[in-house]
Amino acid sequence: MGVFDQMKNLKEAFSQFGNFKEKQEELQKRLATLRVSASAGAGMVEVTATAEGTLTNIVINPIMFSADDKRMLEDLILSATNEVHRKAKEAMAHEVRNVLGFNPSDFEGILNQMGKDGGTASV
């Protein structure tokens, strides 16, 4: 792909921005209100977070407090927290695509390709 094709693709991608400030505000509101949850240990620990990754709730089954296995409880909390962060990232990416109408990582590919070509046109 020549530099002119790449520039055309970049221009088309930028044209999708529209009113970026309004879309950014909408996206921030949606990410703050969207909740994702994950559990570990067959539901013994459940963690909830916003799509921004802020933890909002942790629920631990009372049975876990009577079990004398502190390390297992810690592992379950870590596992559920890591999973909810993964889900939050996925939710954020999904919302970004929905609100902006494109995937921002598409720009990385275009810019990386332009850098590899050294900004020179292919004939």
C-alpha atoms as a PDB file:
ATOM      1  CA  MET A   1       0.000   0.000   0.000  1.00  0.00           C
ATOM      2  CA  GLY A   2       1.461   3.330  -1.020  1.00  0.00           C
ATOM      3  CA  VAL A   3       1.697   6.413   1.154  1.00  0.00           C
ATOM      4  CA  PHE A   4      -1.147   8.064  -0.764  1.00  0.00           C
ATOM      5  CA  ASP A   5      -3.446   5.121  -0.054  1.00  0.00           C
ATOM      6  CA  GLN A   6      -2.406   5.246   3.579  1.00  0.00           C
ATOM      7  CA  MET A   7      -3.114   8.977   3.770  1.00  0.00           C
ATOM      8  CA  LYS A   8      -6.529   8.398   2.199  1.00  0.00           C
ATOM      9  CA  ASN A   9      -7.284   5.704   4.811  1.00  0.00           C
ATOM     10  CA  LEU A  10      -6.138   8.027   7.579  1.00  0.00           C
ATOM     11  CA  LYS A  11      -8.277  10.873   6.236  1.00  0.00           C
ATOM     12  CA  GLU A  12     -11.301   8.560   6.083  1.00  0.00           C
ATOM     13  CA  ALA A  13     -10.680   7.426   9.642  1.00  0.00           C
ATOM     14  CA  PHE A  14     -10.402  11.024  10.889  1.00  0.00           C
ATOM     15  CA  SER A  15     -13.623  11.955   9.091  1.00  0.00           C
ATOM     16  CA  GLN A  16     -15.413   9.444  11.322  1.00  0.00           C
ATOM     17  CA  PHE A  17     -14.618  11.539  14.391  1.00  0.00           C
ATOM     18  CA  GLY A  18     -17.528  13.928  13.792  1.00  0.00           C
ATOM     19  CA  ASN A  19     -18.086  15.972  16.899  1.00  0.00           C
ATOM     20  CA  PHE A  20     -15.409  14.332  19.003  1.00  0.00           C
ATOM     21  CA  LYS A  21     -16.001  16.319  22.220  1.00  0.00           C
ATOM     22  CA  GLU A  22     -19.672  15.299  22.410  1.00  0.00           C
ATOM     23  CA  LYS A  23     -18.802  11.681  21.656  1.00  0.00           C
ATOM     24  CA  GLN A  24     -16.065  11.722  24.285  1.00  0.00           C
ATOM     25  CA  GLU A  25     -18.491  13.040  26.928  1.00  0.00           C
ATOM     26  CA  GLU A  26     -21.064  10.399  25.975  1.00  0.00           C
ATOM     27  CA  LEU A  27     -18.420   7.704  26.170  1.00  0.00           C
ATOM     28  CA  GLN A  28     -17.258   8.838  29.623  1.00  0.00           C
ATOM     29  CA  LYS A  29     -20.837   8.743  30.942  1.00  0.00           C
ATOM     30  CA  ARG A  30     -21.443   5.281  29.513  1.00  0.00           C
ATOM     31  CA  LEU A  31     -18.189   3.888  30.894  1.00  0.00           C
ATOM     32  CA  ALA A  32     -18.913   5.290  34.362  1.00  0.00           C
ATOM     33  CA  THR A  33     -22.368   3.672  34.515  1.00  0.00           C
ATOM     34  CA  LEU A  34     -21.624   0.355  32.809  1.00  0.00           C
ATOM     35  CA  ARG A  35     -20.941  -2.446  35.311  1.00  0.00           C
ATOM     36  CA  VAL A  36     -19.170  -5.759  34.784  1.00  0.00           C
ATOM     37  CA  SER A  37     -18.877  -8.618  37.273  1.00  0.00           C
ATOM     38  CA  ALA A  38     -16.674 -11.662  37.664  1.00  0.00           C
ATOM     39  CA  SER A  39     -16.601 -14.453  40.196  1.00  0.00           C
ATOM     40  CA  ALA A  40     -14.154 -17.074  41.387  1.00  0.00           C
ATOM     41  CA  GLY A  41     -14.415 -20.265  43.384  1.00  0.00           C
ATOM     42  CA  ALA A  42     -17.827 -21.216  41.978  1.00  0.00           C
ATOM     43  CA  GLY A  43     -19.259 -17.877  43.110  1.00  0.00           C
ATOM     44  CA  MET A  44     -17.577 -17.766  46.517  1.00  0.00           C
ATOM     45  CA  VAL A  45     -16.111 -14.349  45.617  1.00  0.00           C
ATOM     46  CA  GLU A  46     -17.742 -11.882  43.238  1.00  0.00           C
ATOM     47  CA  VAL A  47     -16.205  -8.572  42.167  1.00  0.00           C
ATOM     48  CA  THR A  48     -17.999  -5.768  40.311  1.00  0.00           C
ATOM     49  CA  ALA A  49     -16.345  -2.838  38.527  1.00  0.00           C
ATOM     50  CA  THR A  50     -17.190  -0.031  36.146  1.00  0.00           C
ATOM     51  CA  ALA A  51     -16.063  -0.303  32.532  1.00  0.00           C
ATOM     52  CA  GLU A  52     -13.400   2.222  33.543  1.00  0.00           C
ATOM     53  CA  GLY A  53     -11.961  -0.450  35.840  1.00  0.00           C
ATOM     54  CA  THR A  54     -12.998   1.077  39.176  1.00  0.00           C
ATOM     55  CA  LEU A  55     -14.005  -1.622  41.638  1.00  0.00           C
ATOM     56  CA  THR A  56     -17.489  -0.943  43.005  1.00  0.00           C
ATOM     57  CA  ASN A  57     -18.320  -4.049  45.028  1.00  0.00           C
ATOM     58  CA  ILE A  58     -16.852  -7.240  46.430  1.00  0.00           C
ATOM     59  CA  VAL A  59     -19.121  -9.990  47.766  1.00  0.00           C
ATOM     60  CA  ILE A  60     -17.628 -12.877  49.725  1.00  0.00           C
ATOM     61  CA  ASN A  61     -19.762 -15.873  50.606  1.00  0.00           C
ATOM     62  CA  PRO A  62     -19.880 -16.159  54.447  1.00  0.00           C
ATOM     63  CA  ILE A  63     -18.757 -19.782  54.167  1.00  0.00           C
ATOM     64  CA  MET A  64     -15.328 -18.446  53.211  1.00  0.00           C
ATOM     65  CA  PHE A  65     -14.977 -16.792  56.642  1.00  0.00           C
ATOM     66  CA  SER A  66     -15.533 -20.049  58.476  1.00  0.00           C
ATOM     67  CA  ALA A  67     -12.963 -21.852  56.339  1.00  0.00           C
ATOM     68  CA  ASP A  68      -9.548 -21.447  57.902  1.00  0.00           C
ATOM     69  CA  ASP A  69      -7.875 -21.028  54.540  1.00  0.00           C
ATOM     70  CA  LYS A  70      -6.846 -17.377  54.332  1.00  0.00           C
ATOM     71  CA  ARG A  71      -4.604 -17.987  51.312  1.00  0.00           C
ATOM     72  CA  MET A  72      -7.447 -19.548  49.304  1.00  0.00           C
ATOM     73  CA  LEU A  73      -9.670 -16.518  49.985  1.00  0.00           C
ATOM     74  CA  GLU A  74      -6.878 -14.180  48.900  1.00  0.00           C
ATOM     75  CA  ASP A  75      -6.376 -16.187  45.696  1.00  0.00           C
ATOM     76  CA  LEU A  76     -10.111 -16.101  44.931  1.00  0.00           C
ATOM     77  CA  ILE A  77     -10.220 -12.338  45.442  1.00  0.00           C
ATOM     78  CA  LEU A  78      -7.214 -11.858  43.142  1.00  0.00           C
ATOM     79  CA  SER A  79      -8.678 -14.164  40.518  1.00  0.00           C
ATOM     80  CA  ALA A  80     -12.067 -12.434  40.492  1.00  0.00           C
ATOM     81  CA  THR A  81     -10.429  -8.986  40.461  1.00  0.00           C
ATOM     82  CA  ASN A  82      -8.177  -9.855  37.526  1.00  0.00           C
ATOM     83  CA  GLU A  83     -11.129 -11.287  35.601  1.00  0.00           C
ATOM     84  CA  VAL A  84     -13.321  -8.242  36.236  1.00  0.00           C
ATOM     85  CA  HIS A  85     -10.503  -5.971  35.007  1.00  0.00           C
ATOM     86  CA  ARG A  86     -10.249  -8.064  31.819  1.00  0.00           C
ATOM     87  CA  LYS A  87     -14.014  -7.750  31.328  1.00  0.00           C
ATOM     88  CA  ALA A  88     -13.851  -4.003  31.997  1.00  0.00           C
ATOM     89  CA  LYS A  89     -11.243  -3.601  29.244  1.00  0.00           C
ATOM     90  CA  GLU A  90     -13.438  -5.551  26.836  1.00  0.00           C
ATOM     91  CA  ALA A  91     -16.490  -3.475  27.763  1.00  0.00           C
ATOM     92  CA  MET A  92     -14.524  -0.256  27.308  1.00  0.00           C
ATOM     93  CA  ALA A  93     -13.293  -1.324  23.863  1.00  0.00           C
ATOM     94  CA  HIS A  94     -16.836  -2.283  22.870  1.00  0.00           C
ATOM     95  CA  GLU A  95     -18.253   1.064  24.031  1.00  0.00           C
ATOM     96  CA  VAL A  96     -15.488   3.010  22.284  1.00  0.00           C
ATOM     97  CA  ARG A  97     -16.319   1.259  19.008  1.00  0.00           C
ATOM     98  CA  ASN A  98     -20.059   1.900  19.508  1.00  0.00           C
ATOM     99  CA  VAL A  99     -19.742   5.576  20.396  1.00  0.00           C
ATOM    100  CA  LEU A 100     -16.925   6.595  18.053  1.00  0.00           C
ATOM    101  CA  GLY A 101     -17.920   4.300  15.214  1.00  0.00           C
ATOM    102  CA  PHE A 102     -14.435   2.862  14.755  1.00  0.00           C
ATOM    103  CA  ASN A 103     -11.724   1.065  16.660  1.00  0.00           C
ATOM    104  CA  PRO A 104      -8.956   3.494  17.739  1.00  0.00           C
ATOM    105  CA  SER A 105      -6.366   0.745  17.316  1.00  0.00           C
ATOM    106  CA  ASP A 106      -7.068   1.001  13.570  1.00  0.00           C
ATOM    107  CA  PHE A 107      -5.050   4.240  13.644  1.00  0.00           C
ATOM    108  CA  GLU A 108      -2.084   2.416  15.114  1.00  0.00           C
ATOM    109  CA  GLY A 109      -2.010   0.024  12.163  1.00  0.00           C
ATOM    110  CA  ILE A 110      -2.171   2.831   9.624  1.00  0.00           C
ATOM    111  CA  LEU A 111       0.479   4.919  11.388  1.00  0.00           C
ATOM    112  CA  ASN A 112       2.744   1.901  11.922  1.00  0.00           C
ATOM    113  CA  GLN A 113       2.510   1.012   8.233  1.00  0.00           C
ATOM    114  CA  MET A 114       3.334   4.592   7.259  1.00  0.00           C
ATOM    115  CA  GLY A 115       6.368   4.477   9.547  1.00  0.00           C
ATOM    116  CA  LYS A 116       7.570   1.195   8.021  1.00  0.00           C
ATOM    117  CA  ASP A 117       7.337   2.685   4.567  1.00  0.00           C
ATOM    118  CA  GLY A 118       9.377   5.632   5.775  1.00  0.00           C
ATOM    119  CA  GLY A 119       6.740   7.991   4.454  1.00  0.00           C
ATOM    120  CA  THR A 120       7.679   7.231   0.877  1.00  0.00           C
ATOM    121  CA  ALA A 121       5.218   6.471  -1.860  1.00  0.00           C
ATOM    122  CA  SER A 122       5.112   2.988  -3.346  1.00  0.00           C
ATOM    123  CA  VAL A 123       4.829   2.892  -7.102  1.00  0.00           C
END
